[in-house]
């Protein structure tokens, strides 16, 4: 359940929604906000 996910997974879950339809262009508004260095590198 989404409500039970670790907080650090939520930006990645949201990214997944944005790429579901395999878009040509990905538009991201402050995607690294409040991320750790490790999470930014993963993103």
ModelCIF file with pLDDT and N, C-alpha, C, O atoms, coordinates in Angstrom:
data_MODEL
#
_entry.id   MODEL 
#
_entity.id                         1 
_entity.type                       polymer 
_entity.pdbx_number_of_molecules   1 
#
_entity_poly.entity_id                      1 
_entity_poly.type                           'polypeptide(L)' 
_entity_poly.nstd_linkage                   no 
_entity_poly.nstd_monomer                   no 
_entity_poly.pdbx_seq_one_letter_code       
;(UNK)(UNK)(UNK)(UNK)(UNK)(UNK)(UNK)(UNK)(UNK)(UNK)(UNK)(UNK)(UNK)(UNK)(UNK)(UNK)
(UNK)(UNK)(UNK)(UNK)(UNK)(UNK)(UNK)(UNK)(UNK)(UNK)(UNK)(UNK)(UNK)(UNK)(UNK)(UNK)
(UNK)(UNK)(UNK)(UNK)(UNK)(UNK)(UNK)(UNK)(UNK)(UNK)(UNK)
;
_entity_poly.pdbx_seq_one_letter_code_can   XXXXXXXXXXXXXXXXXXXXXXXXXXXXXXXXXXXXXXXXXXX 
_entity_poly.pdbx_strand_id                 A 
#
loop_
_entity_poly_seq.entity_id 
_entity_poly_seq.num 
_entity_poly_seq.mon_id 
_entity_poly_seq.hetero 
1 1  UNK n 
1 2  UNK n 
1 3  UNK n 
1 4  UNK n 
1 5  UNK n 
1 6  UNK n 
1 7  UNK n 
1 8  UNK n 
1 9  UNK n 
1 10 UNK n 
1 11 UNK n 
1 12 UNK n 
1 13 UNK n 
1 14 UNK n 
1 15 UNK n 
1 16 UNK n 
1 17 UNK n 
1 18 UNK n 
1 19 UNK n 
1 20 UNK n 
1 21 UNK n 
1 22 UNK n 
1 23 UNK n 
1 24 UNK n 
1 25 UNK n 
1 26 UNK n 
1 27 UNK n 
1 28 UNK n 
1 29 UNK n 
1 30 UNK n 
1 31 UNK n 
1 32 UNK n 
1 33 UNK n 
1 34 UNK n 
1 35 UNK n 
1 36 UNK n 
1 37 UNK n 
1 38 UNK n 
1 39 UNK n 
1 40 UNK n 
1 41 UNK n 
1 42 UNK n 
1 43 UNK n 
#
_struct_asym.id          A 
_struct_asym.entity_id   1 
#
loop_
_ma_qa_metric.id 
_ma_qa_metric.mode 
_ma_qa_metric.name 
_ma_qa_metric.software_group_id 
_ma_qa_metric.type 
1 global pLDDT . pLDDT 
2 local  pLDDT . pLDDT 
#
_ma_qa_metric_global.metric_id      1 
_ma_qa_metric_global.metric_value   95.05 
_ma_qa_metric_global.model_id       1 
_ma_qa_metric_global.ordinal_id     1 
#
loop_
_ma_qa_metric_local.label_asym_id 
_ma_qa_metric_local.label_comp_id 
_ma_qa_metric_local.label_seq_id 
_ma_qa_metric_local.metric_id 
_ma_qa_metric_local.metric_value 
_ma_qa_metric_local.model_id 
_ma_qa_metric_local.ordinal_id 
A UNK 1  2 97.00 1 1  
A UNK 2  2 96.00 1 2  
A UNK 3  2 95.00 1 3  
A UNK 4  2 96.00 1 4  
A UNK 5  2 96.00 1 5  
A UNK 6  2 96.00 1 6  
A UNK 7  2 93.00 1 7  
A UNK 8  2 95.00 1 8  
A UNK 9  2 96.00 1 9  
A UNK 10 2 96.00 1 10 
A UNK 11 2 96.00 1 11 
A UNK 12 2 97.00 1 12 
A UNK 13 2 97.00 1 13 
A UNK 14 2 96.00 1 14 
A UNK 15 2 97.00 1 15 
A UNK 16 2 97.00 1 16 
A UNK 17 2 95.00 1 17 
A UNK 18 2 95.00 1 18 
A UNK 19 2 96.00 1 19 
A UNK 20 2 94.00 1 20 
A UNK 21 2 91.00 1 21 
A UNK 22 2 93.00 1 22 
A UNK 23 2 94.00 1 23 
A UNK 24 2 95.00 1 24 
A UNK 25 2 97.00 1 25 
A UNK 26 2 98.00 1 26 
A UNK 27 2 97.00 1 27 
A UNK 28 2 97.00 1 28 
A UNK 29 2 96.00 1 29 
A UNK 30 2 94.00 1 30 
A UNK 31 2 94.00 1 31 
A UNK 32 2 94.00 1 32 
A UNK 33 2 89.00 1 33 
A UNK 34 2 87.00 1 34 
A UNK 35 2 93.00 1 35 
A UNK 36 2 93.00 1 36 
A UNK 37 2 94.00 1 37 
A UNK 38 2 95.00 1 38 
A UNK 39 2 96.00 1 39 
A UNK 40 2 95.00 1 40 
A UNK 41 2 95.00 1 41 
A UNK 42 2 97.00 1 42 
A UNK 43 2 97.00 1 43 
#
loop_
_atom_site.group_PDB 
_atom_site.id 
_atom_site.type_symbol 
_atom_site.label_atom_id 
_atom_site.label_alt_id 
_atom_site.label_comp_id 
_atom_site.label_asym_id 
_atom_site.label_entity_id 
_atom_site.label_seq_id 
_atom_site.pdbx_PDB_ins_code 
_atom_site.Cartn_x 
_atom_site.Cartn_y 
_atom_site.Cartn_z 
_atom_site.occupancy 
_atom_site.B_iso_or_equiv 
_atom_site.pdbx_formal_charge 
_atom_site.auth_seq_id 
_atom_site.auth_comp_id 
_atom_site.auth_asym_id 
_atom_site.auth_atom_id 
_atom_site.pdbx_PDB_model_num 
ATOM 1   N N  . UNK A 1 1  ? 0.845  -1.186 0.000   1.00 97.00 ? 1  UNK A N  1 
ATOM 2   C CA . UNK A 1 1  ? 0.000  0.000  0.000   1.00 97.00 ? 1  UNK A CA 1 
ATOM 3   C C  . UNK A 1 1  ? 0.887  1.245  0.000   1.00 97.00 ? 1  UNK A C  1 
ATOM 4   O O  . UNK A 1 1  ? 1.898  1.296  0.700   1.00 97.00 ? 1  UNK A O  1 
ATOM 5   N N  . UNK A 1 2  ? 0.503  2.235  -0.784  1.00 96.00 ? 2  UNK A N  1 
ATOM 6   C CA . UNK A 1 2  ? 1.316  3.442  -0.905  1.00 96.00 ? 2  UNK A CA 1 
ATOM 7   C C  . UNK A 1 2  ? 1.496  4.128  0.444   1.00 96.00 ? 2  UNK A C  1 
ATOM 8   O O  . UNK A 1 2  ? 2.566  4.659  0.741   1.00 96.00 ? 2  UNK A O  1 
ATOM 9   N N  . UNK A 1 3  ? 0.447  4.112  1.254   1.00 95.00 ? 3  UNK A N  1 
ATOM 10  C CA . UNK A 1 3  ? 0.519  4.759  2.554   1.00 95.00 ? 3  UNK A CA 1 
ATOM 11  C C  . UNK A 1 3  ? 1.513  4.124  3.508   1.00 95.00 ? 3  UNK A C  1 
ATOM 12  O O  . UNK A 1 3  ? 1.848  4.715  4.534   1.00 95.00 ? 3  UNK A O  1 
ATOM 13  N N  . UNK A 1 4  ? 1.992  2.922  3.185   1.00 96.00 ? 4  UNK A N  1 
ATOM 14  C CA . UNK A 1 4  ? 2.929  2.215  4.049   1.00 96.00 ? 4  UNK A CA 1 
ATOM 15  C C  . UNK A 1 4  ? 4.360  2.219  3.498   1.00 96.00 ? 4  UNK A C  1 
ATOM 16  O O  . UNK A 1 4  ? 5.256  1.617  4.090   1.00 96.00 ? 4  UNK A O  1 
ATOM 17  N N  . UNK A 1 5  ? 4.571  2.896  2.369   1.00 96.00 ? 5  UNK A N  1 
ATOM 18  C CA . UNK A 1 5  ? 5.902  2.907  1.759   1.00 96.00 ? 5  UNK A CA 1 
ATOM 19  C C  . UNK A 1 5  ? 6.865  3.799  2.545   1.00 96.00 ? 5  UNK A C  1 
ATOM 20  O O  . UNK A 1 5  ? 6.445  4.803  3.120   1.00 96.00 ? 5  UNK A O  1 
ATOM 21  N N  . UNK A 1 6  ? 8.156  3.443  2.575   1.00 96.00 ? 6  UNK A N  1 
ATOM 22  C CA . UNK A 1 6  ? 9.158  4.342  3.159   1.00 96.00 ? 6  UNK A CA 1 
ATOM 23  C C  . UNK A 1 6  ? 9.158  5.674  2.420   1.00 96.00 ? 6  UNK A C  1 
ATOM 24  O O  . UNK A 1 6  ? 9.002  5.703  1.199   1.00 96.00 ? 6  UNK A O  1 
ATOM 25  N N  . UNK A 1 7  ? 9.330  6.770  3.142   1.00 93.00 ? 7  UNK A N  1 
ATOM 26  C CA . UNK A 1 7  ? 9.255  8.106  2.551   1.00 93.00 ? 7  UNK A CA 1 
ATOM 27  C C  . UNK A 1 7  ? 10.252 8.289  1.408   1.00 93.00 ? 7  UNK A C  1 
ATOM 28  O O  . UNK A 1 7  ? 9.964  8.996  0.442   1.00 93.00 ? 7  UNK A O  1 
ATOM 29  N N  . UNK A 1 8  ? 11.424 7.654  1.511   1.00 95.00 ? 8  UNK A N  1 
ATOM 30  C CA . UNK A 1 8  ? 12.445 7.852  0.487   1.00 95.00 ? 8  UNK A CA 1 
ATOM 31  C C  . UNK A 1 8  ? 12.092 7.210  -0.852  1.00 95.00 ? 8  UNK A C  1 
ATOM 32  O O  . UNK A 1 8  ? 12.727 7.508  -1.863  1.00 95.00 ? 8  UNK A O  1 
ATOM 33  N N  . UNK A 1 9  ? 11.084 6.331  -0.871  1.00 96.00 ? 9  UNK A N  1 
ATOM 34  C CA . UNK A 1 9  ? 10.681 5.695  -2.132  1.00 96.00 ? 9  UNK A CA 1 
ATOM 35  C C  . UNK A 1 9  ? 9.673  6.534  -2.910  1.00 96.00 ? 9  UNK A C  1 
ATOM 36  O O  . UNK A 1 9  ? 9.456  6.280  -4.095  1.00 96.00 ? 9  UNK A O  1 
ATOM 37  N N  . UNK A 1 10 ? 9.048  7.530  -2.273  1.00 96.00 ? 10 UNK A N  1 
ATOM 38  C CA . UNK A 1 10 ? 7.941  8.254  -2.905  1.00 96.00 ? 10 UNK A CA 1 
ATOM 39  C C  . UNK A 1 10 ? 8.353  9.050  -4.147  1.00 96.00 ? 10 UNK A C  1 
ATOM 40  O O  . UNK A 1 10 ? 7.601  9.048  -5.122  1.00 96.00 ? 10 UNK A O  1 
ATOM 41  N N  . UNK A 1 11 ? 9.512  9.734  -4.167  1.00 96.00 ? 11 UNK A N  1 
ATOM 42  C CA . UNK A 1 11 ? 9.903  10.409 -5.407  1.00 96.00 ? 11 UNK A CA 1 
ATOM 43  C C  . UNK A 1 11 ? 10.061 9.434  -6.577  1.00 96.00 ? 11 UNK A C  1 
ATOM 44  O O  . UNK A 1 11 ? 9.755  9.781  -7.718  1.00 96.00 ? 11 UNK A O  1 
ATOM 45  N N  . UNK A 1 12 ? 10.527 8.241  -6.302  1.00 97.00 ? 12 UNK A N  1 
ATOM 46  C CA . UNK A 1 12 ? 10.714 7.256  -7.362  1.00 97.00 ? 12 UNK A CA 1 
ATOM 47  C C  . UNK A 1 12 ? 9.371  6.693  -7.827  1.00 97.00 ? 12 UNK A C  1 
ATOM 48  O O  . UNK A 1 12 ? 9.175  6.441  -9.016  1.00 97.00 ? 12 UNK A O  1 
ATOM 49  N N  . UNK A 1 13 ? 8.456  6.498  -6.890  1.00 97.00 ? 13 UNK A N  1 
ATOM 50  C CA . UNK A 1 13 ? 7.109  6.069  -7.254  1.00 97.00 ? 13 UNK A CA 1 
ATOM 51  C C  . UNK A 1 13 ? 6.460  7.099  -8.175  1.00 97.00 ? 13 UNK A C  1 
ATOM 52  O O  . UNK A 1 13 ? 5.813  6.744  -9.160  1.00 97.00 ? 13 UNK A O  1 
ATOM 53  N N  . UNK A 1 14 ? 6.641  8.378  -7.846  1.00 96.00 ? 14 UNK A N  1 
ATOM 54  C CA . UNK A 1 14 ? 6.046  9.449  -8.634  1.00 96.00 ? 14 UNK A CA 1 
ATOM 55  C C  . UNK A 1 14 ? 6.706  9.552  -10.009 1.00 96.00 ? 14 UNK A C  1 
ATOM 56  O O  . UNK A 1 14 ? 6.036  9.811  -11.009 1.00 96.00 ? 14 UNK A O  1 
ATOM 57  N N  . UNK A 1 15 ? 8.011  9.349  -10.053 1.00 97.00 ? 15 UNK A N  1 
ATOM 58  C CA . UNK A 1 15 ? 8.701  9.314  -11.347 1.00 97.00 ? 15 UNK A CA 1 
ATOM 59  C C  . UNK A 1 15 ? 8.129  8.188  -12.204 1.00 97.00 ? 15 UNK A C  1 
ATOM 60  O O  . UNK A 1 15 ? 7.918  8.359  -13.405 1.00 97.00 ? 15 UNK A O  1 
ATOM 61  N N  . UNK A 1 16 ? 7.881  7.041  -11.582 1.00 97.00 ? 16 UNK A N  1 
ATOM 62  C CA . UNK A 1 16 ? 7.314  5.920  -12.327 1.00 97.00 ? 16 UNK A CA 1 
ATOM 63  C C  . UNK A 1 16 ? 6.005  6.281  -12.997 1.00 97.00 ? 16 UNK A C  1 
ATOM 64  O O  . UNK A 1 16 ? 5.764  5.896  -14.141 1.00 97.00 ? 16 UNK A O  1 
ATOM 65  N N  . UNK A 1 17 ? 5.154  7.020  -12.292 1.00 95.00 ? 17 UNK A N  1 
ATOM 66  C CA . UNK A 1 17 ? 3.881  7.444  -12.883 1.00 95.00 ? 17 UNK A CA 1 
ATOM 67  C C  . UNK A 1 17 ? 4.120  8.316  -14.110 1.00 95.00 ? 17 UNK A C  1 
ATOM 68  O O  . UNK A 1 17 ? 3.408  8.211  -15.108 1.00 95.00 ? 17 UNK A O  1 
ATOM 69  N N  . UNK A 1 18 ? 5.138  9.182  -14.022 1.00 95.00 ? 18 UNK A N  1 
ATOM 70  C CA . UNK A 1 18 ? 5.409  10.113 -15.114 1.00 95.00 ? 18 UNK A CA 1 
ATOM 71  C C  . UNK A 1 18 ? 5.923  9.430  -16.372 1.00 95.00 ? 18 UNK A C  1 
ATOM 72  O O  . UNK A 1 18 ? 5.784  9.976  -17.467 1.00 95.00 ? 18 UNK A O  1 
ATOM 73  N N  . UNK A 1 19 ? 6.514  8.250  -16.238 1.00 96.00 ? 19 UNK A N  1 
ATOM 74  C CA . UNK A 1 19 ? 7.103  7.589  -17.414 1.00 96.00 ? 19 UNK A CA 1 
ATOM 75  C C  . UNK A 1 19 ? 6.311  6.365  -17.862 1.00 96.00 ? 19 UNK A C  1 
ATOM 76  O O  . UNK A 1 19 ? 6.750  5.638  -18.754 1.00 96.00 ? 19 UNK A O  1 
ATOM 77  N N  . UNK A 1 20 ? 5.164  6.133  -17.262 1.00 94.00 ? 20 UNK A N  1 
ATOM 78  C CA . UNK A 1 20 ? 4.396  4.927  -17.590 1.00 94.00 ? 20 UNK A CA 1 
ATOM 79  C C  . UNK A 1 20 ? 4.107  4.803  -19.081 1.00 94.00 ? 20 UNK A C  1 
ATOM 80  O O  . UNK A 1 20 ? 4.214  3.719  -19.654 1.00 94.00 ? 20 UNK A O  1 
ATOM 81  N N  . UNK A 1 21 ? 3.736  5.929  -19.709 1.00 91.00 ? 21 UNK A N  1 
ATOM 82  C CA . UNK A 1 21 ? 3.331  5.879  -21.119 1.00 91.00 ? 21 UNK A CA 1 
ATOM 83  C C  . UNK A 1 21 ? 4.504  6.041  -22.069 1.00 91.00 ? 21 UNK A C  1 
ATOM 84  O O  . UNK A 1 21 ? 4.315  6.246  -23.268 1.00 91.00 ? 21 UNK A O  1 
ATOM 85  N N  . UNK A 1 22 ? 5.737  5.947  -21.525 1.00 93.00 ? 22 UNK A N  1 
ATOM 86  C CA . UNK A 1 22 ? 6.964  6.077  -22.323 1.00 93.00 ? 22 UNK A CA 1 
ATOM 87  C C  . UNK A 1 22 ? 6.988  7.387  -23.112 1.00 93.00 ? 22 UNK A C  1 
ATOM 88  O O  . UNK A 1 22 ? 7.045  7.368  -24.342 1.00 93.00 ? 22 UNK A O  1 
ATOM 89  N N  . UNK A 1 23 ? 6.943  8.532  -22.405 1.00 94.00 ? 23 UNK A N  1 
ATOM 90  C CA . UNK A 1 23 ? 6.889  9.825  -23.087 1.00 94.00 ? 23 UNK A CA 1 
ATOM 91  C C  . UNK A 1 23 ? 8.194  10.170 -23.783 1.00 94.00 ? 23 UNK A C  1 
ATOM 92  O O  . UNK A 1 23 ? 9.267  9.699  -23.405 1.00 94.00 ? 23 UNK A O  1 
ATOM 93  N N  . UNK A 1 24 ? 8.078  11.004 -24.811 1.00 95.00 ? 24 UNK A N  1 
ATOM 94  C CA . UNK A 1 24 ? 9.274  11.503 -25.495 1.00 95.00 ? 24 UNK A CA 1 
ATOM 95  C C  . UNK A 1 24 ? 10.010 12.519 -24.633 1.00 95.00 ? 24 UNK A C  1 
ATOM 96  O O  . UNK A 1 24 ? 11.238 12.604 -24.660 1.00 95.00 ? 24 UNK A O  1 
ATOM 97  N N  . UNK A 1 25 ? 9.229  13.300 -23.856 1.00 97.00 ? 25 UNK A N  1 
ATOM 98  C CA . UNK A 1 25 ? 9.796  14.356 -23.013 1.00 97.00 ? 25 UNK A CA 1 
ATOM 99  C C  . UNK A 1 25 ? 9.383  14.138 -21.572 1.00 97.00 ? 25 UNK A C  1 
ATOM 100 O O  . UNK A 1 25 ? 8.217  13.871 -21.282 1.00 97.00 ? 25 UNK A O  1 
ATOM 101 N N  . UNK A 1 26 ? 10.350 14.254 -20.669 1.00 98.00 ? 26 UNK A N  1 
ATOM 102 C CA . UNK A 1 26 ? 10.095 14.162 -19.231 1.00 98.00 ? 26 UNK A CA 1 
ATOM 103 C C  . UNK A 1 26 ? 10.357 15.532 -18.627 1.00 98.00 ? 26 UNK A C  1 
ATOM 104 O O  . UNK A 1 26 ? 11.455 16.076 -18.745 1.00 98.00 ? 26 UNK A O  1 
ATOM 105 N N  . UNK A 1 27 ? 9.333  16.086 -17.976 1.00 97.00 ? 27 UNK A N  1 
ATOM 106 C CA . UNK A 1 27 ? 9.392  17.424 -17.385 1.00 97.00 ? 27 UNK A CA 1 
ATOM 107 C C  . UNK A 1 27 ? 9.363  17.277 -15.872 1.00 97.00 ? 27 UNK A C  1 
ATOM 108 O O  . UNK A 1 27 ? 8.427  16.692 -15.328 1.00 97.00 ? 27 UNK A O  1 
ATOM 109 N N  . UNK A 1 28 ? 10.372 17.798 -15.183 1.00 97.00 ? 28 UNK A N  1 
ATOM 110 C CA . UNK A 1 28 ? 10.527 17.538 -13.750 1.00 97.00 ? 28 UNK A CA 1 
ATOM 111 C C  . UNK A 1 28 ? 10.728 18.840 -12.984 1.00 97.00 ? 28 UNK A C  1 
ATOM 112 O O  . UNK A 1 28 ? 11.663 19.595 -13.250 1.00 97.00 ? 28 UNK A O  1 
ATOM 113 N N  . UNK A 1 29 ? 9.836  19.091 -12.028 1.00 96.00 ? 29 UNK A N  1 
ATOM 114 C CA . UNK A 1 29 ? 9.888  20.325 -11.244 1.00 96.00 ? 29 UNK A CA 1 
ATOM 115 C C  . UNK A 1 29 ? 10.492 20.043 -9.866  1.00 96.00 ? 29 UNK A C  1 
ATOM 116 O O  . UNK A 1 29 ? 9.832  19.475 -8.995  1.00 96.00 ? 29 UNK A O  1 
ATOM 117 N N  . UNK A 1 30 ? 11.733 20.439 -9.682  1.00 94.00 ? 30 UNK A N  1 
ATOM 118 C CA . UNK A 1 30 ? 12.489 20.245 -8.442  1.00 94.00 ? 30 UNK A CA 1 
ATOM 119 C C  . UNK A 1 30 ? 12.482 18.780 -7.978  1.00 94.00 ? 30 UNK A C  1 
ATOM 120 O O  . UNK A 1 30 ? 12.099 18.496 -6.843  1.00 94.00 ? 30 UNK A O  1 
ATOM 121 N N  . UNK A 1 31 ? 12.899 17.863 -8.835  1.00 94.00 ? 31 UNK A N  1 
ATOM 122 C CA . UNK A 1 31 ? 12.834 16.436 -8.485  1.00 94.00 ? 31 UNK A CA 1 
ATOM 123 C C  . UNK A 1 31 ? 13.795 16.007 -7.389  1.00 94.00 ? 31 UNK A C  1 
ATOM 124 O O  . UNK A 1 31 ? 13.587 14.972 -6.755  1.00 94.00 ? 31 UNK A O  1 
ATOM 125 N N  . UNK A 1 32 ? 14.856 16.797 -7.153  1.00 94.00 ? 32 UNK A N  1 
ATOM 126 C CA . UNK A 1 32 ? 15.855 16.407 -6.161  1.00 94.00 ? 32 UNK A CA 1 
ATOM 127 C C  . UNK A 1 32 ? 15.651 17.097 -4.811  1.00 94.00 ? 32 UNK A C  1 
ATOM 128 O O  . UNK A 1 32 ? 16.490 16.982 -3.917  1.00 94.00 ? 32 UNK A O  1 
ATOM 129 N N  . UNK A 1 33 ? 14.547 17.807 -4.668  1.00 89.00 ? 33 UNK A N  1 
ATOM 130 C CA . UNK A 1 33 ? 14.284 18.558 -3.448  1.00 89.00 ? 33 UNK A CA 1 
ATOM 131 C C  . UNK A 1 33 ? 14.233 17.628 -2.233  1.00 89.00 ? 33 UNK A C  1 
ATOM 132 O O  . UNK A 1 33 ? 13.511 16.631 -2.237  1.00 89.00 ? 33 UNK A O  1 
ATOM 133 N N  . UNK A 1 34 ? 15.004 17.964 -1.195  1.00 87.00 ? 34 UNK A N  1 
ATOM 134 C CA . UNK A 1 34 ? 15.040 17.215 0.071   1.00 87.00 ? 34 UNK A CA 1 
ATOM 135 C C  . UNK A 1 34 ? 15.558 15.780 -0.063  1.00 87.00 ? 34 UNK A C  1 
ATOM 136 O O  . UNK A 1 34 ? 15.337 14.962 0.830   1.00 87.00 ? 34 UNK A O  1 
ATOM 137 N N  . UNK A 1 35 ? 16.234 15.470 -1.151  1.00 93.00 ? 35 UNK A N  1 
ATOM 138 C CA . UNK A 1 35 ? 16.805 14.132 -1.331  1.00 93.00 ? 35 UNK A CA 1 
ATOM 139 C C  . UNK A 1 35 ? 18.199 14.055 -0.715  1.00 93.00 ? 35 UNK A C  1 
ATOM 140 O O  . UNK A 1 35 ? 18.925 15.048 -0.680  1.00 93.00 ? 35 UNK A O  1 
ATOM 141 N N  . UNK A 1 36 ? 18.560 12.888 -0.236  1.00 93.00 ? 36 UNK A N  1 
ATOM 142 C CA . UNK A 1 36 ? 19.928 12.641 0.196   1.00 93.00 ? 36 UNK A CA 1 
ATOM 143 C C  . UNK A 1 36 ? 20.839 12.520 -1.025  1.00 93.00 ? 36 UNK A C  1 
ATOM 144 O O  . UNK A 1 36 ? 20.360 12.350 -2.147  1.00 93.00 ? 36 UNK A O  1 
ATOM 145 N N  . UNK A 1 37 ? 22.129 12.605 -0.809  1.00 94.00 ? 37 UNK A N  1 
ATOM 146 C CA . UNK A 1 37 ? 23.078 12.444 -1.909  1.00 94.00 ? 37 UNK A CA 1 
ATOM 147 C C  . UNK A 1 37 ? 22.894 11.080 -2.568  1.00 94.00 ? 37 UNK A C  1 
ATOM 148 O O  . UNK A 1 37 ? 22.932 10.967 -3.793  1.00 94.00 ? 37 UNK A O  1 
ATOM 149 N N  . UNK A 1 38 ? 22.695 10.049 -1.754  1.00 95.00 ? 38 UNK A N  1 
ATOM 150 C CA . UNK A 1 38 ? 22.512 8.692  -2.293  1.00 95.00 ? 38 UNK A CA 1 
ATOM 151 C C  . UNK A 1 38 ? 21.274 8.621  -3.170  1.00 95.00 ? 38 UNK A C  1 
ATOM 152 O O  . UNK A 1 38 ? 21.308 8.023  -4.245  1.00 95.00 ? 38 UNK A O  1 
ATOM 153 N N  . UNK A 1 39 ? 20.177 9.229  -2.721  1.00 96.00 ? 39 UNK A N  1 
ATOM 154 C CA . UNK A 1 39 ? 18.934 9.201  -3.499  1.00 96.00 ? 39 UNK A CA 1 
ATOM 155 C C  . UNK A 1 39 ? 19.086 9.993  -4.791  1.00 96.00 ? 39 UNK A C  1 
ATOM 156 O O  . UNK A 1 39 ? 18.576 9.582  -5.833  1.00 96.00 ? 39 UNK A O  1 
ATOM 157 N N  . UNK A 1 40 ? 19.786 11.128 -4.732  1.00 95.00 ? 40 UNK A N  1 
ATOM 158 C CA . UNK A 1 40 ? 20.000 11.907 -5.949  1.00 95.00 ? 40 UNK A CA 1 
ATOM 159 C C  . UNK A 1 40 ? 20.798 11.100 -6.966  1.00 95.00 ? 40 UNK A C  1 
ATOM 160 O O  . UNK A 1 40 ? 20.488 11.104 -8.158  1.00 95.00 ? 40 UNK A O  1 
ATOM 161 N N  . UNK A 1 41 ? 21.822 10.414 -6.487  1.00 95.00 ? 41 UNK A N  1 
ATOM 162 C CA . UNK A 1 41 ? 22.628 9.613  -7.410  1.00 95.00 ? 41 UNK A CA 1 
ATOM 163 C C  . UNK A 1 41 ? 21.803 8.495  -8.039  1.00 95.00 ? 41 UNK A C  1 
ATOM 164 O O  . UNK A 1 41 ? 21.962 8.184  -9.219  1.00 95.00 ? 41 UNK A O  1 
ATOM 165 N N  . UNK A 1 42 ? 20.921 7.895  -7.244  1.00 97.00 ? 42 UNK A N  1 
ATOM 166 C CA . UNK A 1 42 ? 20.053 6.854  -7.794  1.00 97.00 ? 42 UNK A CA 1 
ATOM 167 C C  . UNK A 1 42 ? 19.119 7.443  -8.842  1.00 97.00 ? 42 UNK A C  1 
ATOM 168 O O  . UNK A 1 42 ? 18.933 6.856  -9.908  1.00 97.00 ? 42 UNK A O  1 
ATOM 169 N N  . UNK A 1 43 ? 18.524 8.614  -8.544  1.00 97.00 ? 43 UNK A N  1 
ATOM 170 C CA . UNK A 1 43 ? 17.619 9.261  -9.487  1.00 97.00 ? 43 UNK A CA 1 
ATOM 171 C C  . UNK A 1 43 ? 18.341 9.612  -10.779 1.00 97.00 ? 43 UNK A C  1 
ATOM 172 O O  . UNK A 1 43 ? 17.732 10.166 -11.694 1.00 97.00 ? 43 UNK A O  1 
#
